[in-house]
Amino acid sequence: MNKAATAIDGHRIFSHSDKVAFREVEGEVLIVPIRMSASDPTGVYRLNRTASFIWAQMDGRQDVDAIVQQMVREFDVSAQEALADARELISDLLSIDAIVDADAP
């Protein structure tokens, strides 16, 4: 796990960015950047079932800790594993501007 991922606090709240469009297809989410400049990453991002679950929970109301608790119930994993997965995905989604910190001004 990278340093940025480990720095994500469990009390932070995230929501989907208006810089991407997304659609669920057969239980997986596809994310497409809609505002691109020459320096932006390009392509379609496909989230697996676990990542799609996390994505769906990022509604601007639930913090990371609440999402992790739901992951533990849904996927029968330890809280430690769920937190590591959530942090890694959040870090990746932040790097492509797919989500925003709901608490940021």
PDB file of N, CA and C in Angstrom:
ATOM      1  N   MET A   1       0.850  -1.175   0.000  1.00  0.00           N
ATOM      2  CA  MET A   1       0.000   0.000   0.000  1.00  0.00           C
ATOM      3  C   MET A   1       0.896   1.238   0.000  1.00  0.00           C
ATOM      4  N   ASN A   2       0.502   2.239  -0.764  1.00  0.00           N
ATOM      5  CA  ASN A   2       1.336   3.438  -0.848  1.00  0.00           C
ATOM      6  C   ASN A   2       1.089   4.366   0.344  1.00  0.00           C
ATOM      7  N   LYS A   3       1.985   5.330   0.524  1.00  0.00           N
ATOM      8  CA  LYS A   3       1.887   6.248   1.663  1.00  0.00           C
ATOM      9  C   LYS A   3       0.615   7.081   1.628  1.00  0.00           C
ATOM     10  N   ALA A   4       0.203   7.512   0.447  1.00  0.00           N
ATOM     11  CA  ALA A   4      -1.021   8.314   0.329  1.00  0.00           C
ATOM     12  C   ALA A   4      -2.225   7.523   0.826  1.00  0.00           C
ATOM     13  N   ALA A   5      -2.255   6.243   0.519  1.00  0.00           N
ATOM     14  CA  ALA A   5      -3.374   5.403   0.950  1.00  0.00           C
ATOM     15  C   ALA A   5      -3.401   5.262   2.465  1.00  0.00           C
ATOM     16  N   THR A   6      -2.245   5.066   3.091  1.00  0.00           N
ATOM     17  CA  THR A   6      -2.222   4.883   4.538  1.00  0.00           C
ATOM     18  C   THR A   6      -2.565   6.173   5.272  1.00  0.00           C
ATOM     19  N   ALA A   7      -2.438   7.306   4.615  1.00  0.00           N
ATOM     20  CA  ALA A   7      -2.718   8.590   5.257  1.00  0.00           C
ATOM     21  C   ALA A   7      -4.207   8.950   5.257  1.00  0.00           C
ATOM     22  N   ILE A   8      -5.036   8.153   4.603  1.00  0.00           N
ATOM     23  CA  ILE A   8      -6.456   8.473   4.521  1.00  0.00           C
ATOM     24  C   ILE A   8      -7.123   8.161   5.847  1.00  0.00           C
ATOM     25  N   ASP A   9      -7.635   9.192   6.471  1.00  0.00           N
ATOM     26  CA  ASP A   9      -8.268   9.112   7.780  1.00  0.00           C
ATOM     27  C   ASP A   9      -9.645   8.458   7.674  1.00  0.00           C
ATOM     28  N   GLY A  10      -9.989   7.637   8.642  1.00  0.00           N
ATOM     29  CA  GLY A  10     -11.265   6.943   8.657  1.00  0.00           C
ATOM     30  C   GLY A  10     -12.477   7.838   8.816  1.00  0.00           C
ATOM     31  N   HIS A  11     -12.258   9.077   9.245  1.00  0.00           N
ATOM     32  CA  HIS A  11     -13.380  10.001   9.448  1.00  0.00           C
ATOM     33  C   HIS A  11     -13.670  10.862   8.221  1.00  0.00           C
ATOM     34  N   ARG A  12     -12.863  10.713   7.193  1.00  0.00           N
ATOM     35  CA  ARG A  12     -13.096  11.505   5.970  1.00  0.00           C
ATOM     36  C   ARG A  12     -14.299  10.973   5.209  1.00  0.00           C
ATOM     37  N   ILE A  13     -14.956  11.885   4.551  1.00  0.00           N
ATOM     38  CA  ILE A  13     -16.158  11.564   3.778  1.00  0.00           C
ATOM     39  C   ILE A  13     -15.898  11.954   2.330  1.00  0.00           C
ATOM     40  N   PHE A  14     -16.240  11.045   1.416  1.00  0.00           N
ATOM     41  CA  PHE A  14     -16.012  11.284  -0.002  1.00  0.00           C
ATOM     42  C   PHE A  14     -17.310  11.178  -0.785  1.00  0.00           C
ATOM     43  N   SER A  15     -17.324  11.861  -1.913  1.00  0.00           N
ATOM     44  CA  SER A  15     -18.453  11.743  -2.839  1.00  0.00           C
ATOM     45  C   SER A  15     -17.905  11.722  -4.258  1.00  0.00           C
ATOM     46  N   HIS A  16     -18.755  11.321  -5.178  1.00  0.00           N
ATOM     47  CA  HIS A  16     -18.360  11.234  -6.579  1.00  0.00           C
ATOM     48  C   HIS A  16     -18.102  12.625  -7.141  1.00  0.00           C
ATOM     49  N   SER A  17     -17.108  12.723  -7.978  1.00  0.00           N
ATOM     50  CA  SER A  17     -16.738  13.983  -8.608  1.00  0.00           C
ATOM     51  C   SER A  17     -17.610  14.239  -9.827  1.00  0.00           C
ATOM     52  N   ASP A  18     -17.792  15.512 -10.139  1.00  0.00           N
ATOM     53  CA  ASP A  18     -18.525  15.850 -11.368  1.00  0.00           C
ATOM     54  C   ASP A  18     -17.602  15.800 -12.592  1.00  0.00           C
ATOM     55  N   LYS A  19     -16.361  15.371 -12.393  1.00  0.00           N
ATOM     56  CA  LYS A  19     -15.401  15.259 -13.498  1.00  0.00           C
ATOM     57  C   LYS A  19     -15.439  13.890 -14.167  1.00  0.00           C
ATOM     58  N   VAL A  20     -16.322  13.014 -13.672  1.00  0.00           N
ATOM     59  CA  VAL A  20     -16.439  11.683 -14.255  1.00  0.00           C
ATOM     60  C   VAL A  20     -17.899  11.312 -14.451  1.00  0.00           C
ATOM     61  N   ALA A  21     -18.117  10.437 -15.400  1.00  0.00           N
ATOM     62  CA  ALA A  21     -19.417   9.798 -15.572  1.00  0.00           C
ATOM     63  C   ALA A  21     -19.218   8.339 -15.182  1.00  0.00           C
ATOM     64  N   PHE A  22     -20.274   7.697 -14.699  1.00  0.00           N
ATOM     65  CA  PHE A  22     -20.132   6.292 -14.326  1.00  0.00           C
ATOM     66  C   PHE A  22     -21.430   5.548 -14.591  1.00  0.00           C
ATOM     67  N   ARG A  23     -21.258   4.256 -14.736  1.00  0.00           N
ATOM     68  CA  ARG A  23     -22.407   3.382 -14.988  1.00  0.00           C
ATOM     69  C   ARG A  23     -22.080   2.012 -14.433  1.00  0.00           C
ATOM     70  N   GLU A  24     -23.085   1.368 -13.853  1.00  0.00           N
ATOM     71  CA  GLU A  24     -22.908   0.000 -13.393  1.00  0.00           C
ATOM     72  C   GLU A  24     -23.315  -0.953 -14.513  1.00  0.00           C
ATOM     73  N   VAL A  25     -22.448  -1.914 -14.785  1.00  0.00           N
ATOM     74  CA  VAL A  25     -22.700  -2.911 -15.814  1.00  0.00           C
ATOM     75  C   VAL A  25     -22.372  -4.278 -15.219  1.00  0.00           C
ATOM     76  N   GLU A  26     -23.378  -5.115 -15.094  1.00  0.00           N
ATOM     77  CA  GLU A  26     -23.206  -6.467 -14.564  1.00  0.00           C
ATOM     78  C   GLU A  26     -22.449  -6.485 -13.237  1.00  0.00           C
ATOM     79  N   GLY A  27     -22.836  -5.609 -12.316  1.00  0.00           N
ATOM     80  CA  GLY A  27     -22.265  -5.598 -10.977  1.00  0.00           C
ATOM     81  C   GLY A  27     -20.933  -4.889 -10.838  1.00  0.00           C
ATOM     82  N   GLU A  28     -20.412  -4.335 -11.926  1.00  0.00           N
ATOM     83  CA  GLU A  28     -19.156  -3.594 -11.861  1.00  0.00           C
ATOM     84  C   GLU A  28     -19.377  -2.182 -12.369  1.00  0.00           C
ATOM     85  N   VAL A  29     -18.668  -1.238 -11.776  1.00  0.00           N
ATOM     86  CA  VAL A  29     -18.804   0.167 -12.159  1.00  0.00           C
ATOM     87  C   VAL A  29     -17.734   0.531 -13.172  1.00  0.00           C
ATOM     88  N   LEU A  30     -18.160   1.235 -14.203  1.00  0.00           N
ATOM     89  CA  LEU A  30     -17.248   1.795 -15.201  1.00  0.00           C
ATOM     90  C   LEU A  30     -17.218   3.304 -14.981  1.00  0.00           C
ATOM     91  N   ILE A  31     -16.024   3.866 -14.897  1.00  0.00           N
ATOM     92  CA  ILE A  31     -15.844   5.298 -14.667  1.00  0.00           C
ATOM     93  C   ILE A  31     -15.137   5.891 -15.885  1.00  0.00           C
ATOM     94  N   VAL A  32     -15.691   6.990 -16.396  1.00  0.00           N
ATOM     95  CA  VAL A  32     -15.125   7.648 -17.573  1.00  0.00           C
ATOM     96  C   VAL A  32     -14.891   9.122 -17.252  1.00  0.00           C
ATOM     97  N   PRO A  33     -13.652   9.605 -17.372  1.00  0.00           N
ATOM     98  CA  PRO A  33     -13.400  11.041 -17.187  1.00  0.00           C
ATOM     99  C   PRO A  33     -14.145  11.828 -18.265  1.00  0.00           C
ATOM    100  N   ILE A  34     -14.786  12.940 -17.872  1.00  0.00           N
ATOM    101  CA  ILE A  34     -15.514  13.728 -18.869  1.00  0.00           C
ATOM    102  C   ILE A  34     -14.891  15.091 -19.115  1.00  0.00           C
ATOM    103  N   ARG A  35     -14.029  15.529 -18.253  1.00  0.00           N
ATOM    104  CA  ARG A  35     -13.325  16.797 -18.438  1.00  0.00           C
ATOM    105  C   ARG A  35     -11.855  16.490 -18.515  1.00  0.00           C
ATOM    106  N   MET A  36     -11.333  16.484 -19.708  1.00  0.00           N
ATOM    107  CA  MET A  36      -9.946  16.082 -19.853  1.00  0.00           C
ATOM    108  C   MET A  36      -9.098  17.191 -20.449  1.00  0.00           C
ATOM    109  N   SER A  37      -7.919  17.335 -19.896  1.00  0.00           N
ATOM    110  CA  SER A  37      -6.914  18.206 -20.485  1.00  0.00           C
ATOM    111  C   SER A  37      -5.764  17.302 -20.909  1.00  0.00           C
ATOM    112  N   ALA A  38      -4.762  17.863 -21.526  1.00  0.00           N
ATOM    113  CA  ALA A  38      -3.640  17.064 -22.025  1.00  0.00           C
ATOM    114  C   ALA A  38      -2.937  16.297 -20.914  1.00  0.00           C
ATOM    115  N   SER A  39      -2.959  16.811 -19.685  1.00  0.00           N
ATOM    116  CA  SER A  39      -2.252  16.152 -18.587  1.00  0.00           C
ATOM    117  C   SER A  39      -3.112  15.134 -17.832  1.00  0.00           C
ATOM    118  N   ASP A  40      -4.413  15.065 -18.138  1.00  0.00           N
ATOM    119  CA  ASP A  40      -5.299  14.133 -17.447  1.00  0.00           C
ATOM    120  C   ASP A  40      -5.109  12.710 -17.951  1.00  0.00           C
ATOM    121  N   PRO A  41      -5.306  11.743 -17.042  1.00  0.00           N
ATOM    122  CA  PRO A  41      -5.264  10.361 -17.509  1.00  0.00           C
ATOM    123  C   PRO A  41      -6.452  10.095 -18.432  1.00  0.00           C
ATOM    124  N   THR A  42      -6.296   9.184 -19.342  1.00  0.00           N
ATOM    125  CA  THR A  42      -7.375   8.880 -20.278  1.00  0.00           C
ATOM    126  C   THR A  42      -7.823   7.442 -20.097  1.00  0.00           C
ATOM    127  N   GLY A  43      -8.995   7.154 -20.592  1.00  0.00           N
ATOM    128  CA  GLY A  43      -9.469   5.784 -20.580  1.00  0.00           C
ATOM    129  C   GLY A  43     -10.671   5.586 -19.687  1.00  0.00           C
ATOM    130  N   VAL A  44     -11.115   4.353 -19.679  1.00  0.00           N
ATOM    131  CA  VAL A  44     -12.243   3.927 -18.863  1.00  0.00           C
ATOM    132  C   VAL A  44     -11.674   3.109 -17.713  1.00  0.00           C
ATOM    133  N   TYR A  45     -12.170   3.362 -16.525  1.00  0.00           N
ATOM    134  CA  TYR A  45     -11.721   2.632 -15.350  1.00  0.00           C
ATOM    135  C   TYR A  45     -12.821   1.659 -14.946  1.00  0.00           C
ATOM    136  N   ARG A  46     -12.450   0.411 -14.781  1.00  0.00           N
ATOM    137  CA  ARG A  46     -13.405  -0.635 -14.424  1.00  0.00           C
ATOM    138  C   ARG A  46     -13.142  -1.074 -12.994  1.00  0.00           C
ATOM    139  N   LEU A  47     -14.159  -0.975 -12.161  1.00  0.00           N
ATOM    140  CA  LEU A  47     -14.035  -1.366 -10.761  1.00  0.00           C
ATOM    141  C   LEU A  47     -14.583  -2.776 -10.575  1.00  0.00           C
ATOM    142  N   ASN A  48     -13.845  -3.605  -9.864  1.00  0.00           N
ATOM    143  CA  ASN A  48     -14.339  -4.950  -9.580  1.00  0.00           C
ATOM    144  C   ASN A  48     -15.486  -4.882  -8.562  1.00  0.00           C
ATOM    145  N   ARG A  49     -15.993  -6.014  -8.178  1.00  0.00           N
ATOM    146  CA  ARG A  49     -17.173  -6.055  -7.296  1.00  0.00           C
ATOM    147  C   ARG A  49     -16.929  -5.338  -5.964  1.00  0.00           C
ATOM    148  N   THR A  50     -15.788  -5.576  -5.346  1.00  0.00           N
ATOM    149  CA  THR A  50     -15.481  -4.939  -4.069  1.00  0.00           C
ATOM    150  C   THR A  50     -15.333  -3.430  -4.236  1.00  0.00           C
ATOM    151  N   ALA A  51     -14.588  -3.015  -5.235  1.00  0.00           N
ATOM    152  CA  ALA A  51     -14.399  -1.582  -5.487  1.00  0.00           C
ATOM    153  C   ALA A  51     -15.722  -0.920  -5.857  1.00  0.00           C
ATOM    154  N   SER A  52     -16.563  -1.624  -6.600  1.00  0.00           N
ATOM    155  CA  SER A  52     -17.878  -1.085  -6.961  1.00  0.00           C
ATOM    156  C   SER A  52     -18.741  -0.880  -5.716  1.00  0.00           C
ATOM    157  N   PHE A  53     -18.629  -1.807  -4.765  1.00  0.00           N
ATOM    158  CA  PHE A  53     -19.356  -1.673  -3.503  1.00  0.00           C
ATOM    159  C   PHE A  53     -18.901  -0.413  -2.759  1.00  0.00           C
ATOM    160  N   ILE A  54     -17.583  -0.226  -2.676  1.00  0.00           N
ATOM    161  CA  ILE A  54     -17.038   0.956  -2.000  1.00  0.00           C
ATOM    162  C   ILE A  54     -17.507   2.218  -2.717  1.00  0.00           C
ATOM    163  N   TRP A  55     -17.425   2.226  -4.033  1.00  0.00           N
ATOM    164  CA  TRP A  55     -17.861   3.377  -4.842  1.00  0.00           C
ATOM    165  C   TRP A  55     -19.312   3.749  -4.510  1.00  0.00           C
ATOM    166  N   ALA A  56     -20.162   2.749  -4.437  1.00  0.00           N
ATOM    167  CA  ALA A  56     -21.584   2.990  -4.177  1.00  0.00           C
ATOM    168  C   ALA A  56     -21.813   3.615  -2.806  1.00  0.00           C
ATOM    169  N   GLN A  57     -20.936   3.335  -1.855  1.00  0.00           N
ATOM    170  CA  GLN A  57     -21.092   3.872  -0.503  1.00  0.00           C
ATOM    171  C   GLN A  57     -20.597   5.319  -0.374  1.00  0.00           C
ATOM    172  N   MET A  58     -19.803   5.769  -1.329  1.00  0.00           N
ATOM    173  CA  MET A  58     -19.250   7.126  -1.267  1.00  0.00           C
ATOM    174  C   MET A  58     -20.305   8.126  -1.729  1.00  0.00           C
ATOM    175  N   ASP A  59     -21.202   8.439  -0.808  1.00  0.00           N
ATOM    176  CA  ASP A  59     -22.376   9.261  -1.115  1.00  0.00           C
ATOM    177  C   ASP A  59     -22.319  10.656  -0.505  1.00  0.00           C
ATOM    178  N   GLY A  60     -21.174  11.001   0.081  1.00  0.00           N
ATOM    179  CA  GLY A  60     -21.051  12.318   0.696  1.00  0.00           C
ATOM    180  C   GLY A  60     -21.610  12.382   2.109  1.00  0.00           C
ATOM    181  N   ARG A  61     -22.080  11.239   2.629  1.00  0.00           N
ATOM    182  CA  ARG A  61     -22.642  11.224   3.986  1.00  0.00           C
ATOM    183  C   ARG A  61     -21.907  10.259   4.914  1.00  0.00           C
ATOM    184  N   GLN A  62     -21.400   9.168   4.358  1.00  0.00           N
ATOM    185  CA  GLN A  62     -20.742   8.143   5.167  1.00  0.00           C
ATOM    186  C   GLN A  62     -19.237   8.349   5.184  1.00  0.00           C
ATOM    187  N   ASP A  63     -18.648   8.185   6.353  1.00  0.00           N
ATOM    188  CA  ASP A  63     -17.192   8.292   6.398  1.00  0.00           C
ATOM    189  C   ASP A  63     -16.562   6.939   6.067  1.00  0.00           C
ATOM    190  N   VAL A  64     -15.263   6.937   5.923  1.00  0.00           N
ATOM    191  CA  VAL A  64     -14.525   5.733   5.544  1.00  0.00           C
ATOM    192  C   VAL A  64     -14.746   4.620   6.565  1.00  0.00           C
ATOM    193  N   ASP A  65     -14.761   4.951   7.842  1.00  0.00           N
ATOM    194  CA  ASP A  65     -14.969   3.932   8.875  1.00  0.00           C
ATOM    195  C   ASP A  65     -16.314   3.224   8.704  1.00  0.00           C
ATOM    196  N   ALA A  66     -17.366   3.974   8.375  1.00  0.00           N
ATOM    197  CA  ALA A  66     -18.686   3.369   8.164  1.00  0.00           C
ATOM    198  C   ALA A  66     -18.672   2.449   6.943  1.00  0.00           C
ATOM    199  N   ILE A  67     -17.983   2.869   5.901  1.00  0.00           N
ATOM    200  CA  ILE A  67     -17.879   2.040   4.692  1.00  0.00           C
ATOM    201  C   ILE A  67     -17.131   0.751   5.006  1.00  0.00           C
ATOM    202  N   VAL A  68     -16.072   0.862   5.793  1.00  0.00           N
ATOM    203  CA  VAL A  68     -15.293  -0.318   6.176  1.00  0.00           C
ATOM    204  C   VAL A  68     -16.170  -1.296   6.961  1.00  0.00           C
ATOM    205  N   GLN A  69     -16.976  -0.792   7.876  1.00  0.00           N
ATOM    206  CA  GLN A  69     -17.860  -1.661   8.651  1.00  0.00           C
ATOM    207  C   GLN A  69     -18.839  -2.405   7.741  1.00  0.00           C
ATOM    208  N   GLN A  70     -19.348  -1.714   6.737  1.00  0.00           N
ATOM    209  CA  GLN A  70     -20.254  -2.352   5.785  1.00  0.00           C
ATOM    210  C   GLN A  70     -19.526  -3.414   4.962  1.00  0.00           C
ATOM    211  N   MET A  71     -18.273  -3.142   4.608  1.00  0.00           N
ATOM    212  CA  MET A  71     -17.482  -4.116   3.853  1.00  0.00           C
ATOM    213  C   MET A  71     -17.262  -5.385   4.662  1.00  0.00           C
ATOM    214  N   VAL A  72     -17.002  -5.237   5.948  1.00  0.00           N
ATOM    215  CA  VAL A  72     -16.784  -6.396   6.818  1.00  0.00           C
ATOM    216  C   VAL A  72     -18.025  -7.288   6.808  1.00  0.00           C
ATOM    217  N   ARG A  73     -19.197  -6.675   6.884  1.00  0.00           N
ATOM    218  CA  ARG A  73     -20.449  -7.453   6.867  1.00  0.00           C
ATOM    219  C   ARG A  73     -20.712  -8.065   5.488  1.00  0.00           C
ATOM    220  N   GLU A  74     -20.503  -7.297   4.440  1.00  0.00           N
ATOM    221  CA  GLU A  74     -20.839  -7.735   3.086  1.00  0.00           C
ATOM    222  C   GLU A  74     -19.894  -8.813   2.550  1.00  0.00           C
ATOM    223  N   PHE A  75     -18.605  -8.685   2.845  1.00  0.00           N
ATOM    224  CA  PHE A  75     -17.612  -9.557   2.220  1.00  0.00           C
ATOM    225  C   PHE A  75     -16.937 -10.525   3.190  1.00  0.00           C
ATOM    226  N   ASP A  76     -17.325 -10.497   4.459  1.00  0.00           N
ATOM    227  CA  ASP A  76     -16.761 -11.410   5.450  1.00  0.00           C
ATOM    228  C   ASP A  76     -15.224 -11.347   5.454  1.00  0.00           C
ATOM    229  N   VAL A  77     -14.711 -10.114   5.574  1.00  0.00           N
ATOM    230  CA  VAL A  77     -13.274  -9.878   5.674  1.00  0.00           C
ATOM    231  C   VAL A  77     -12.999  -9.182   6.997  1.00  0.00           C
ATOM    232  N   SER A  78     -11.752  -9.146   7.394  1.00  0.00           N
ATOM    233  CA  SER A  78     -11.406  -8.446   8.631  1.00  0.00           C
ATOM    234  C   SER A  78     -11.481  -6.940   8.408  1.00  0.00           C
ATOM    235  N   ALA A  79     -11.636  -6.213   9.485  1.00  0.00           N
ATOM    236  CA  ALA A  79     -11.672  -4.751   9.401  1.00  0.00           C
ATOM    237  C   ALA A  79     -10.352  -4.226   8.845  1.00  0.00           C
ATOM    238  N   GLN A  80      -9.268  -4.870   9.195  1.00  0.00           N
ATOM    239  CA  GLN A  80      -7.944  -4.455   8.709  1.00  0.00           C
ATOM    240  C   GLN A  80      -7.843  -4.606   7.191  1.00  0.00           C
ATOM    241  N   GLU A  81      -8.306  -5.741   6.672  1.00  0.00           N
ATOM    242  CA  GLU A  81      -8.286  -5.965   5.216  1.00  0.00           C
ATOM    243  C   GLU A  81      -9.196  -4.976   4.500  1.00  0.00           C
ATOM    244  N   ALA A  82     -10.380  -4.772   5.062  1.00  0.00           N
ATOM    245  CA  ALA A  82     -11.343  -3.856   4.442  1.00  0.00           C
ATOM    246  C   ALA A  82     -10.796  -2.432   4.419  1.00  0.00           C
ATOM    247  N   LEU A  83     -10.172  -2.013   5.508  1.00  0.00           N
ATOM    248  CA  LEU A  83      -9.609  -0.667   5.574  1.00  0.00           C
ATOM    249  C   LEU A  83      -8.478  -0.501   4.563  1.00  0.00           C
ATOM    250  N   ALA A  84      -7.624  -1.503   4.448  1.00  0.00           N
ATOM    251  CA  ALA A  84      -6.522  -1.432   3.480  1.00  0.00           C
ATOM    252  C   ALA A  84      -7.066  -1.331   2.058  1.00  0.00           C
ATOM    253  N   ASP A  85      -8.074  -2.138   1.736  1.00  0.00           N
ATOM    254  CA  ASP A  85      -8.674  -2.089   0.399  1.00  0.00           C
ATOM    255  C   ASP A  85      -9.330  -0.742   0.133  1.00  0.00           C
ATOM    256  N   ALA A  86     -10.078  -0.241   1.122  1.00  0.00           N
ATOM    257  CA  ALA A  86     -10.763   1.040   0.952  1.00  0.00           C
ATOM    258  C   ALA A  86      -9.759   2.173   0.768  1.00  0.00           C
ATOM    259  N   ARG A  87      -8.730   2.196   1.575  1.00  0.00           N
ATOM    260  CA  ARG A  87      -7.716   3.252   1.457  1.00  0.00           C
ATOM    261  C   ARG A  87      -7.026   3.225   0.097  1.00  0.00           C
ATOM    262  N   GLU A  88      -6.691   2.030  -0.372  1.00  0.00           N
ATOM    263  CA  GLU A  88      -6.016   1.901  -1.662  1.00  0.00           C
ATOM    264  C   GLU A  88      -6.916   2.411  -2.796  1.00  0.00           C
ATOM    265  N   LEU A  89      -8.184   2.009  -2.776  1.00  0.00           N
ATOM    266  CA  LEU A  89      -9.105   2.462  -3.813  1.00  0.00           C
ATOM    267  C   LEU A  89      -9.314   3.963  -3.739  1.00  0.00           C
ATOM    268  N   ILE A  90      -9.516   4.490  -2.552  1.00  0.00           N
ATOM    269  CA  ILE A  90      -9.732   5.932  -2.397  1.00  0.00           C
ATOM    270  C   ILE A  90      -8.537   6.708  -2.924  1.00  0.00           C
ATOM    271  N   SER A  91      -7.345   6.252  -2.604  1.00  0.00           N
ATOM    272  CA  SER A  91      -6.139   6.899  -3.102  1.00  0.00           C
ATOM    273  C   SER A  91      -6.121   6.902  -4.630  1.00  0.00           C
ATOM    274  N   ASP A  92      -6.443   5.751  -5.233  1.00  0.00           N
ATOM    275  CA  ASP A  92      -6.474   5.654  -6.697  1.00  0.00           C
ATOM    276  C   ASP A  92      -7.543   6.570  -7.292  1.00  0.00           C
ATOM    277  N   LEU A  93      -8.740   6.585  -6.699  1.00  0.00           N
ATOM    278  CA  LEU A  93      -9.832   7.419  -7.216  1.00  0.00           C
ATOM    279  C   LEU A  93      -9.520   8.910  -7.079  1.00  0.00           C
ATOM    280  N   LEU A  94      -8.863   9.275  -5.986  1.00  0.00           N
ATOM    281  CA  LEU A  94      -8.450  10.673  -5.819  1.00  0.00           C
ATOM    282  C   LEU A  94      -7.432  11.063  -6.890  1.00  0.00           C
ATOM    283  N   SER A  95      -6.551  10.137  -7.246  1.00  0.00           N
ATOM    284  CA  SER A  95      -5.502  10.454  -8.217  1.00  0.00           C
ATOM    285  C   SER A  95      -6.052  10.710  -9.608  1.00  0.00           C
ATOM    286  N   ILE A  96      -7.246  10.197  -9.909  1.00  0.00           N
ATOM    287  CA  ILE A  96      -7.857  10.448 -11.228  1.00  0.00           C
ATOM    288  C   ILE A  96      -9.049  11.415 -11.126  1.00  0.00           C
ATOM    289  N   ASP A  97      -9.181  12.072  -9.965  1.00  0.00           N
ATOM    290  CA  ASP A  97     -10.263  13.045  -9.724  1.00  0.00           C
ATOM    291  C   ASP A  97     -11.653  12.445  -9.878  1.00  0.00           C
ATOM    292  N   ALA A  98     -11.799  11.155  -9.541  1.00  0.00           N
ATOM    293  CA  ALA A  98     -13.112  10.502  -9.632  1.00  0.00           C
ATOM    294  C   ALA A  98     -13.958  10.752  -8.391  1.00  0.00           C
ATOM    295  N   ILE A  99     -13.298  11.096  -7.279  1.00  0.00           N
ATOM    296  CA  ILE A  99     -14.012  11.425  -6.045  1.00  0.00           C
ATOM    297  C   ILE A  99     -13.428  12.700  -5.462  1.00  0.00           C
ATOM    298  N   VAL A 100     -14.212  13.314  -4.593  1.00  0.00           N
ATOM    299  CA  VAL A 100     -13.759  14.522  -3.898  1.00  0.00           C
ATOM    300  C   VAL A 100     -14.018  14.363  -2.412  1.00  0.00           C
ATOM    301  N   ASP A 101     -13.242  15.078  -1.634  1.00  0.00           N
ATOM    302  CA  ASP A 101     -13.426  15.098  -0.186  1.00  0.00           C
ATOM    303  C   ASP A 101     -14.647  15.956   0.101  1.00  0.00           C
ATOM    304  N   ALA A 102     -15.701  15.359   0.636  1.00  0.00           N
ATOM    305  CA  ALA A 102     -16.957  16.077   0.878  1.00  0.00           C
ATOM    306  C   ALA A 102     -16.798  17.152   1.953  1.00  0.00           C
ATOM    307  N   ASP A 103     -15.768  17.050   2.781  1.00  0.00           N
ATOM    308  CA  ASP A 103     -15.549  18.043   3.832  1.00  0.00           C
ATOM    309  C   ASP A 103     -14.711  19.233   3.379  1.00  0.00           C
ATOM    310  N   ALA A 104     -14.098  19.098   2.207  1.00  0.00           N
ATOM    311  CA  ALA A 104     -13.224  20.181   1.707  1.00  0.00           C
ATOM    312  C   ALA A 104     -14.076  21.353   1.223  1.00  0.00           C
ATOM    313  N   PRO A 105     -13.552  22.585   1.411  1.00  0.00           N
ATOM    314  CA  PRO A 105     -14.319  23.754   0.958  1.00  0.00           C
ATOM    315  C   PRO A 105     -14.410  23.847  -0.544  1.00  0.00           C
TER     316      PRO A 105
END
